[in-house]
PDB file of N, CA and C in Angstrom:
ATOM      1  N   MET A   1     172.431 191.749  73.483  1.00  0.00           N
ATOM      2  CA  MET A   1     171.916 190.672  72.703  1.00  0.00           C
ATOM      3  C   MET A   1     170.280 189.912  73.904  1.00  0.00           C
ATOM      4  N   VAL A   2     169.736 189.488  72.885  1.00  0.00           N
ATOM      5  CA  VAL A   2     168.814 188.458  73.739  1.00  0.00           C
ATOM      6  C   VAL A   2     168.361 186.951  73.931  1.00  0.00           C
ATOM      7  N   GLY A   3     168.493 186.390  74.643  1.00  0.00           N
ATOM      8  CA  GLY A   3     168.517 184.600  74.583  1.00  0.00           C
ATOM      9  C   GLY A   3     167.413 184.610  75.276  1.00  0.00           C
ATOM     10  N   THR A   4     168.000 182.921  75.213  1.00  0.00           N
ATOM     11  CA  THR A   4     166.356 182.905  75.303  1.00  0.00           C
ATOM     12  C   THR A   4     165.409 183.060  77.104  1.00  0.00           C
ATOM     13  N   THR A   5     166.474 183.386  77.537  1.00  0.00           N
ATOM     14  CA  THR A   5     165.403 183.410  78.869  1.00  0.00           C
ATOM     15  C   THR A   5     165.381 184.708  79.306  1.00  0.00           C
ATOM     16  N   GLU A   6     165.815 186.201  78.410  1.00  0.00           N
ATOM     17  CA  GLU A   6     165.843 186.973  78.570  1.00  0.00           C
ATOM     18  C   GLU A   6     164.100 186.767  77.553  1.00  0.00           C
ATOM     19  N   LEU A   7     163.713 186.215  76.138  1.00  0.00           N
ATOM     20  CA  LEU A   7     163.084 186.348  75.669  1.00  0.00           C
ATOM     21  C   LEU A   7     161.295 185.604  76.836  1.00  0.00           C
ATOM     22  N   ALA A   8     161.996 184.021  77.474  1.00  0.00           N
ATOM     23  CA  ALA A   8     161.151 183.849  78.080  1.00  0.00           C
ATOM     24  C   ALA A   8     160.673 184.567  79.313  1.00  0.00           C
ATOM     25  N   LYS A   9     161.811 185.241  79.923  1.00  0.00           N
ATOM     26  CA  LYS A   9     160.547 186.277  80.743  1.00  0.00           C
ATOM     27  C   LYS A   9     159.247 186.928  79.656  1.00  0.00           C
ATOM     28  N   ARG A  10     159.744 187.606  78.704  1.00  0.00           N
ATOM     29  CA  ARG A  10     159.024 188.738  78.196  1.00  0.00           C
ATOM     30  C   ARG A  10     157.741 188.437  77.563  1.00  0.00           C
ATOM     31  N   VAL A  11     157.884 186.254  77.238  1.00  0.00           N
ATOM     32  CA  VAL A  11     157.276 186.049  76.929  1.00  0.00           C
ATOM     33  C   VAL A  11     156.231 185.609  78.305  1.00  0.00           C
ATOM     34  N   ALA A  12     156.351 185.382  79.350  1.00  0.00           N
ATOM     35  CA  ALA A  12     155.982 184.790  80.272  1.00  0.00           C
ATOM     36  C   ALA A  12     155.218 185.883  80.771  1.00  0.00           C
ATOM     37  N   LYS A  13     155.922 186.776  80.515  1.00  0.00           N
ATOM     38  CA  LYS A  13     154.963 188.466  81.225  1.00  0.00           C
ATOM     39  C   LYS A  13     153.087 188.945  80.284  1.00  0.00           C
ATOM     40  N   LYS A  14     153.785 189.289  79.224  1.00  0.00           N
ATOM     41  CA  LYS A  14     152.771 189.238  78.604  1.00  0.00           C
ATOM     42  C   LYS A  14     151.711 188.011  78.205  1.00  0.00           C
ATOM     43  N   THR A  15     152.073 186.858  77.906  1.00  0.00           N
ATOM     44  CA  THR A  15     150.974 185.395  78.537  1.00  0.00           C
ATOM     45  C   THR A  15     149.807 185.167  79.712  1.00  0.00           C
ATOM     46  N   GLY A  16     151.432 185.346  81.189  1.00  0.00           N
ATOM     47  CA  GLY A  16     150.419 185.075  82.311  1.00  0.00           C
ATOM     48  C   GLY A  16     150.924 184.120  82.379  1.00  0.00           C
ATOM     49  N   VAL A  17     152.222 183.269  81.857  1.00  0.00           N
ATOM     50  CA  VAL A  17     152.359 182.269  82.447  1.00  0.00           C
ATOM     51  C   VAL A  17     153.613 181.396  82.434  1.00  0.00           C
ATOM     52  N   THR A  18     154.713 180.690  83.343  1.00  0.00           N
ATOM     53  CA  THR A  18     156.124 180.407  83.622  1.00  0.00           C
ATOM     54  C   THR A  18     156.778 181.404  83.335  1.00  0.00           C
ATOM     55  N   GLN A  19     157.853 181.412  83.547  1.00  0.00           N
ATOM     56  CA  GLN A  19     158.953 181.643  82.673  1.00  0.00           C
ATOM     57  C   GLN A  19     159.597 180.226  81.966  1.00  0.00           C
ATOM     58  N   LYS A  20     159.746 178.728  83.165  1.00  0.00           N
ATOM     59  CA  LYS A  20     159.611 178.080  82.350  1.00  0.00           C
ATOM     60  C   LYS A  20     158.579 177.051  81.157  1.00  0.00           C
ATOM     61  N   THR A  21     157.227 177.540  81.426  1.00  0.00           N
ATOM     62  CA  THR A  21     156.880 177.653  80.534  1.00  0.00           C
ATOM     63  C   THR A  21     156.598 177.977  79.548  1.00  0.00           C
ATOM     64  N   ALA A  22     157.313 178.960  79.350  1.00  0.00           N
ATOM     65  CA  ALA A  22     157.093 180.094  78.179  1.00  0.00           C
ATOM     66  C   ALA A  22     159.002 179.995  77.160  1.00  0.00           C
ATOM     67  N   ARG A  23     159.675 179.298  78.108  1.00  0.00           N
ATOM     68  CA  ARG A  23     161.131 179.040  77.708  1.00  0.00           C
ATOM     69  C   ARG A  23     161.035 176.690  77.186  1.00  0.00           C
ATOM     70  N   ALA A  24     160.439 176.438  77.752  1.00  0.00           N
ATOM     71  CA  ALA A  24     160.016 175.119  77.196  1.00  0.00           C
ATOM     72  C   ALA A  24     158.687 175.517  75.332  1.00  0.00           C
ATOM     73  N   VAL A  25     158.638 176.400  75.360  1.00  0.00           N
ATOM     74  CA  VAL A  25     157.888 176.524  74.259  1.00  0.00           C
ATOM     75  C   VAL A  25     158.435 177.036  73.085  1.00  0.00           C
ATOM     76  N   ILE A  26     159.406 178.299  73.743  1.00  0.00           N
ATOM     77  CA  ILE A  26     160.472 178.519  72.773  1.00  0.00           C
ATOM     78  C   ILE A  26     160.882 177.910  72.367  1.00  0.00           C
ATOM     79  N   GLN A  27     161.265 176.870  72.651  1.00  0.00           N
ATOM     80  CA  GLN A  27     162.738 175.731  72.708  1.00  0.00           C
ATOM     81  C   GLN A  27     162.105 174.842  71.624  1.00  0.00           C
ATOM     82  N   ALA A  28     161.080 174.776  72.390  1.00  0.00           N
ATOM     83  CA  ALA A  28     160.009 173.738  71.590  1.00  0.00           C
ATOM     84  C   ALA A  28     159.530 173.815  69.800  1.00  0.00           C
ATOM     85  N   PHE A  29     159.549 174.940  70.135  1.00  0.00           N
ATOM     86  CA  PHE A  29     159.050 176.264  68.583  1.00  0.00           C
ATOM     87  C   PHE A  29     160.406 176.333  67.714  1.00  0.00           C
ATOM     88  N   LEU A  30     161.444 176.103  68.146  1.00  0.00           N
ATOM     89  CA  LEU A  30     162.705 176.548  67.419  1.00  0.00           C
ATOM     90  C   LEU A  30     163.295 175.109  67.423  1.00  0.00           C
ATOM     91  N   ALA A  31     162.870 173.896  67.808  1.00  0.00           N
ATOM     92  CA  ALA A  31     163.227 172.013  67.651  1.00  0.00           C
ATOM     93  C   ALA A  31     162.365 171.609  65.846  1.00  0.00           C
ATOM     94  N   GLU A  32     160.959 172.603  66.190  1.00  0.00           N
ATOM     95  CA  GLU A  32     160.009 172.239  65.731  1.00  0.00           C
ATOM     96  C   GLU A  32     160.106 172.709  63.996  1.00  0.00           C
ATOM     97  N   ILE A  33     160.720 173.651  63.894  1.00  0.00           N
ATOM     98  CA  ILE A  33     161.676 174.727  63.104  1.00  0.00           C
ATOM     99  C   ILE A  33     162.768 174.061  61.880  1.00  0.00           C
ATOM    100  N   VAL A  34     163.670 173.766  63.198  1.00  0.00           N
ATOM    101  CA  VAL A  34     164.823 173.445  62.747  1.00  0.00           C
ATOM    102  C   VAL A  34     164.519 171.934  61.268  1.00  0.00           C
ATOM    103  N   ASP A  35     163.336 171.093  62.579  1.00  0.00           N
ATOM    104  CA  ASP A  35     162.775 169.395  62.460  1.00  0.00           C
ATOM    105  C   ASP A  35     162.670 169.490  60.947  1.00  0.00           C
ATOM    106  N   GLU A  36     161.895 171.047  60.631  1.00  0.00           N
ATOM    107  CA  GLU A  36     160.596 170.423  59.265  1.00  0.00           C
ATOM    108  C   GLU A  36     161.915 170.913  58.329  1.00  0.00           C
ATOM    109  N   VAL A  37     163.589 172.097  59.329  1.00  0.00           N
ATOM    110  CA  VAL A  37     163.895 172.205  57.642  1.00  0.00           C
ATOM    111  C   VAL A  37     164.989 171.185  57.388  1.00  0.00           C
ATOM    112  N   LYS A  38     164.795 170.355  58.442  1.00  0.00           N
ATOM    113  CA  LYS A  38     165.693 168.932  57.710  1.00  0.00           C
ATOM    114  C   LYS A  38     165.365 168.055  57.096  1.00  0.00           C
ATOM    115  N   LYS A  39     163.508 168.330  57.405  1.00  0.00           N
ATOM    116  CA  LYS A  39     162.861 167.243  56.618  1.00  0.00           C
ATOM    117  C   LYS A  39     163.131 167.962  54.574  1.00  0.00           C
ATOM    118  N   GLY A  40     163.359 168.472  54.790  1.00  0.00           N
ATOM    119  CA  GLY A  40     163.217 169.960  53.230  1.00  0.00           C
ATOM    120  C   GLY A  40     162.096 170.894  53.116  1.00  0.00           C
ATOM    121  N   ASN A  41     161.360 170.945  54.390  1.00  0.00           N
ATOM    122  CA  ASN A  41     160.579 172.305  54.634  1.00  0.00           C
ATOM    123  C   ASN A  41     160.438 172.849  54.837  1.00  0.00           C
ATOM    124  N   ARG A  42     160.069 174.394  53.512  1.00  0.00           N
ATOM    125  CA  ARG A  42     159.759 175.507  53.904  1.00  0.00           C
ATOM    126  C   ARG A  42     159.868 176.474  55.024  1.00  0.00           C
ATOM    127  N   VAL A  43     159.526 176.070  55.951  1.00  0.00           N
ATOM    128  CA  VAL A  43     158.728 176.891  57.659  1.00  0.00           C
ATOM    129  C   VAL A  43     158.426 178.913  56.878  1.00  0.00           C
ATOM    130  N   ASN A  44     156.736 178.778  56.289  1.00  0.00           N
ATOM    131  CA  ASN A  44     156.947 180.438  56.744  1.00  0.00           C
ATOM    132  C   ASN A  44     156.476 180.642  57.260  1.00  0.00           C
ATOM    133  N   LEU A  45     156.714 182.042  57.934  1.00  0.00           N
ATOM    134  CA  LEU A  45     156.426 182.527  59.049  1.00  0.00           C
ATOM    135  C   LEU A  45     155.534 184.185  58.741  1.00  0.00           C
ATOM    136  N   VAL A  46     154.635 184.037  58.317  1.00  0.00           N
ATOM    137  CA  VAL A  46     154.077 185.335  57.513  1.00  0.00           C
ATOM    138  C   VAL A  46     154.706 187.591  58.412  1.00  0.00           C
ATOM    139  N   GLY A  47     155.180 187.213  57.846  1.00  0.00           N
ATOM    140  CA  GLY A  47     155.265 188.560  58.284  1.00  0.00           C
ATOM    141  C   GLY A  47     156.701 188.928  59.029  1.00  0.00           C
ATOM    142  N   PHE A  48     156.872 186.979  59.677  1.00  0.00           N
ATOM    143  CA  PHE A  48     158.977 187.466  60.117  1.00  0.00           C
ATOM    144  C   PHE A  48     159.383 186.965  59.071  1.00  0.00           C
ATOM    145  N   GLY A  49     159.313 185.937  58.421  1.00  0.00           N
ATOM    146  CA  GLY A  49     160.628 185.781  57.155  1.00  0.00           C
ATOM    147  C   GLY A  49     160.329 183.809  56.803  1.00  0.00           C
ATOM    148  N   ILE A  50     160.975 183.593  55.677  1.00  0.00           N
ATOM    149  CA  ILE A  50     161.594 182.433  54.995  1.00  0.00           C
ATOM    150  C   ILE A  50     162.038 181.534  55.791  1.00  0.00           C
ATOM    151  N   PHE A  51     161.858 180.119  56.843  1.00  0.00           N
ATOM    152  CA  PHE A  51     163.833 179.914  57.078  1.00  0.00           C
ATOM    153  C   PHE A  51     163.480 178.127  56.392  1.00  0.00           C
ATOM    154  N   GLU A  52     164.426 177.944  55.075  1.00  0.00           N
ATOM    155  CA  GLU A  52     164.287 176.806  54.833  1.00  0.00           C
ATOM    156  C   GLU A  52     166.012 176.341  53.995  1.00  0.00           C
ATOM    157  N   GLN A  53     166.138 174.550  53.828  1.00  0.00           N
ATOM    158  CA  GLN A  53     167.112 174.464  53.065  1.00  0.00           C
ATOM    159  C   GLN A  53     168.311 174.743  51.936  1.00  0.00           C
ATOM    160  N   ARG A  54     169.071 175.898  51.819  1.00  0.00           N
ATOM    161  CA  ARG A  54     169.482 175.242  50.114  1.00  0.00           C
ATOM    162  C   ARG A  54     170.555 174.678  50.404  1.00  0.00           C
ATOM    163  N   ILE A  55     170.768 173.625  48.646  1.00  0.00           N
ATOM    164  CA  ILE A  55     172.092 173.752  49.090  1.00  0.00           C
ATOM    165  C   ILE A  55     172.969 174.476  47.984  1.00  0.00           C
ATOM    166  N   GLN A  56     175.180 174.756  48.825  1.00  0.00           N
ATOM    167  CA  GLN A  56     175.535 175.282  48.215  1.00  0.00           C
ATOM    168  C   GLN A  56     176.366 174.455  47.659  1.00  0.00           C
ATOM    169  N   LYS A  57     176.599 175.745  46.160  1.00  0.00           N
ATOM    170  CA  LYS A  57     177.417 174.475  45.492  1.00  0.00           C
ATOM    171  C   LYS A  57     178.393 174.418  45.277  1.00  0.00           C
ATOM    172  N   ALA A  58     178.445 172.595  44.432  1.00  0.00           N
ATOM    173  CA  ALA A  58     180.191 172.408  44.722  1.00  0.00           C
ATOM    174  C   ALA A  58     181.220 173.728  44.094  1.00  0.00           C
ATOM    175  N   ARG A  59     182.621 173.663  44.762  1.00  0.00           N
ATOM    176  CA  ARG A  59     183.531 174.791  44.766  1.00  0.00           C
ATOM    177  C   ARG A  59     184.832 174.332  44.513  1.00  0.00           C
ATOM    178  N   LYS A  60     185.623 174.875  44.039  1.00  0.00           N
ATOM    179  CA  LYS A  60     187.132 174.986  44.408  1.00  0.00           C
ATOM    180  C   LYS A  60     187.780 176.121  44.837  1.00  0.00           C
ATOM    181  N   ALA A  61     188.445 176.527  45.695  1.00  0.00           N
ATOM    182  CA  ALA A  61     189.247 177.485  46.722  1.00  0.00           C
ATOM    183  C   ALA A  61     190.535 176.737  47.419  1.00  0.00           C
ATOM    184  N   ARG A  62     191.720 177.447  47.729  1.00  0.00           N
ATOM    185  CA  ARG A  62     192.137 177.655  48.201  1.00  0.00           C
ATOM    186  C   ARG A  62     192.975 177.718  49.634  1.00  0.00           C
ATOM    187  N   ASN A  63     193.547 176.795  49.904  1.00  0.00           N
ATOM    188  CA  ASN A  63     194.343 176.732  50.947  1.00  0.00           C
ATOM    189  C   ASN A  63     195.165 177.842  51.512  1.00  0.00           C
ATOM    190  N   PRO A  64     195.349 178.122  52.749  1.00  0.00           N
ATOM    191  CA  PRO A  64     196.083 179.761  52.629  1.00  0.00           C
ATOM    192  C   PRO A  64     197.005 179.238  53.363  1.00  0.00           C
ATOM    193  N   LYS A  65     197.533 177.803  53.480  1.00  0.00           N
ATOM    194  CA  LYS A  65     198.464 177.741  54.127  1.00  0.00           C
ATOM    195  C   LYS A  65     199.810 177.651  53.429  1.00  0.00           C
ATOM    196  N   THR A  66     199.166 176.617  52.367  1.00  0.00           N
ATOM    197  CA  THR A  66     199.795 176.085  51.071  1.00  0.00           C
ATOM    198  C   THR A  66     199.586 176.807  49.405  1.00  0.00           C
ATOM    199  N   GLN A  67     198.449 176.276  49.251  1.00  0.00           N
ATOM    200  CA  GLN A  67     198.392 178.229  48.665  1.00  0.00           C
ATOM    201  C   GLN A  67     197.477 176.978  47.702  1.00  0.00           C
ATOM    202  N   ALA A  68     197.185 175.719  48.061  1.00  0.00           N
ATOM    203  CA  ALA A  68     197.334 174.502  47.158  1.00  0.00           C
ATOM    204  C   ALA A  68     195.558 174.386  47.176  1.00  0.00           C
ATOM    205  N   ILE A  69     195.440 174.570  45.329  1.00  0.00           N
ATOM    206  CA  ILE A  69     193.734 174.260  45.716  1.00  0.00           C
ATOM    207  C   ILE A  69     192.765 173.266  46.131  1.00  0.00           C
ATOM    208  N   ILE A  70     191.701 173.066  46.606  1.00  0.00           N
ATOM    209  CA  ILE A  70     190.911 171.950  46.678  1.00  0.00           C
ATOM    210  C   ILE A  70     189.660 172.171  46.407  1.00  0.00           C
ATOM    211  N   LYS A  71     189.468 171.325  45.891  1.00  0.00           N
ATOM    212  CA  LYS A  71     187.707 170.759  46.147  1.00  0.00           C
ATOM    213  C   LYS A  71     187.462 171.084  47.439  1.00  0.00           C
ATOM    214  N   VAL A  72     185.909 172.012  47.284  1.00  0.00           N
ATOM    215  CA  VAL A  72     184.941 171.971  48.423  1.00  0.00           C
ATOM    216  C   VAL A  72     183.768 171.394  48.221  1.00  0.00           C
ATOM    217  N   PRO A  73     183.404 169.706  47.911  1.00  0.00           N
ATOM    218  CA  PRO A  73     182.149 169.684  47.929  1.00  0.00           C
ATOM    219  C   PRO A  73     180.468 170.390  48.219  1.00  0.00           C
ATOM    220  N   GLN A  74     180.104 169.953  47.599  1.00  0.00           N
ATOM    221  CA  GLN A  74     178.136 170.348  47.659  1.00  0.00           C
ATOM    222  C   GLN A  74     177.753 170.331  48.992  1.00  0.00           C
ATOM    223  N   LYS A  75     177.052 171.029  49.609  1.00  0.00           N
ATOM    224  CA  LYS A  75     176.311 171.577  50.858  1.00  0.00           C
ATOM    225  C   LYS A  75     175.155 171.494  51.614  1.00  0.00           C
ATOM    226  N   LYS A  76     174.249 171.646  51.904  1.00  0.00           N
ATOM    227  CA  LYS A  76     173.218 172.442  53.094  1.00  0.00           C
ATOM    228  C   LYS A  76     173.657 172.551  53.526  1.00  0.00           C
ATOM    229  N   LYS A  77     172.647 174.149  53.752  1.00  0.00           N
ATOM    230  CA  LYS A  77     173.169 175.641  54.928  1.00  0.00           C
ATOM    231  C   LYS A  77     171.393 176.250  55.093  1.00  0.00           C
ATOM    232  N   PHE A  78     171.495 175.776  56.041  1.00  0.00           N
ATOM    233  CA  PHE A  78     170.334 176.726  56.828  1.00  0.00           C
ATOM    234  C   PHE A  78     169.874 177.748  55.860  1.00  0.00           C
ATOM    235  N   ALA A  79     169.219 178.315  55.825  1.00  0.00           N
ATOM    236  CA  ALA A  79     169.023 179.637  55.453  1.00  0.00           C
ATOM    237  C   ALA A  79     167.746 180.094  56.229  1.00  0.00           C
ATOM    238  N   PHE A  80     167.765 181.786  56.277  1.00  0.00           N
ATOM    239  CA  PHE A  80     166.607 182.588  56.511  1.00  0.00           C
ATOM    240  C   PHE A  80     166.548 184.552  55.467  1.00  0.00           C
ATOM    241  N   LYS A  81     165.416 183.426  55.224  1.00  0.00           N
ATOM    242  CA  LYS A  81     165.286 185.396  54.124  1.00  0.00           C
ATOM    243  C   LYS A  81     163.995 185.876  55.067  1.00  0.00           C
ATOM    244  N   PRO A  82     164.192 187.081  55.480  1.00  0.00           N
ATOM    245  CA  PRO A  82     163.252 187.333  56.364  1.00  0.00           C
ATOM    246  C   PRO A  82     162.664 188.319  55.414  1.00  0.00           C
ATOM    247  N   SER A  83     161.724 188.719  56.017  1.00  0.00           N
ATOM    248  CA  SER A  83     159.966 189.298  55.311  1.00  0.00           C
ATOM    249  C   SER A  83     160.561 191.020  54.877  1.00  0.00           C
ATOM    250  N   ILE A  84     158.863 191.064  54.568  1.00  0.00           N
ATOM    251  CA  ILE A  84     159.452 193.098  53.675  1.00  0.00           C
ATOM    252  C   ILE A  84     159.122 193.968  55.160  1.00  0.00           C
ATOM    253  N   LYS A  85     158.722 193.634  55.597  1.00  0.00           N
ATOM    254  CA  LYS A  85     158.418 193.827  56.634  1.00  0.00           C
ATOM    255  C   LYS A  85     159.421 194.180  57.616  1.00  0.00           C
ATOM    256  N   ILE A  86     159.780 193.379  58.457  1.00  0.00           N
ATOM    257  CA  ILE A  86     160.752 193.130  58.748  1.00  0.00           C
ATOM    258  C   ILE A  86     163.087 193.285  58.479  1.00  0.00           C
ATOM    259  N   LYS A  87     163.357 192.509  56.588  1.00  0.00           N
ATOM    260  CA  LYS A  87     164.018 193.619  56.327  1.00  0.00           C
ATOM    261  C   LYS A  87     164.889 194.489  56.063  1.00  0.00           C
ATOM    262  N   TYR A  88     164.436 196.245  56.548  1.00  0.00           N
ATOM    263  CA  TYR A  88     165.051 197.124  56.630  1.00  0.00           C
ATOM    264  C   TYR A  88     163.870 197.496  58.180  1.00  0.00           C
ATOM    265  N   LEU A  89     164.427 197.074  58.992  1.00  0.00           N
ATOM    266  CA  LEU A  89     164.008 198.110  60.738  1.00  0.00           C
ATOM    267  C   LEU A  89     164.701 199.545  60.065  1.00  0.00           C
TER     268      LEU A  89
END
């Protein structure tokens, strides 16, 4: 798995900026995506995919301990739909 630090090293090497600057840009970029999705906007990165907020419908579920049926309320979920270019790598 590759984390933010490793990505920052690679971006810094390719762009000629410091790792600290690259890490700050990556973190700011990701924060902007999350902020826009929280506002209800879709973020479309052409050739990569779409970040969006989806509504999961209310449903009934079963408590595994007691076997009682409980109601799970509707909730918002963060979703990513990859583009065709990366979907089947």
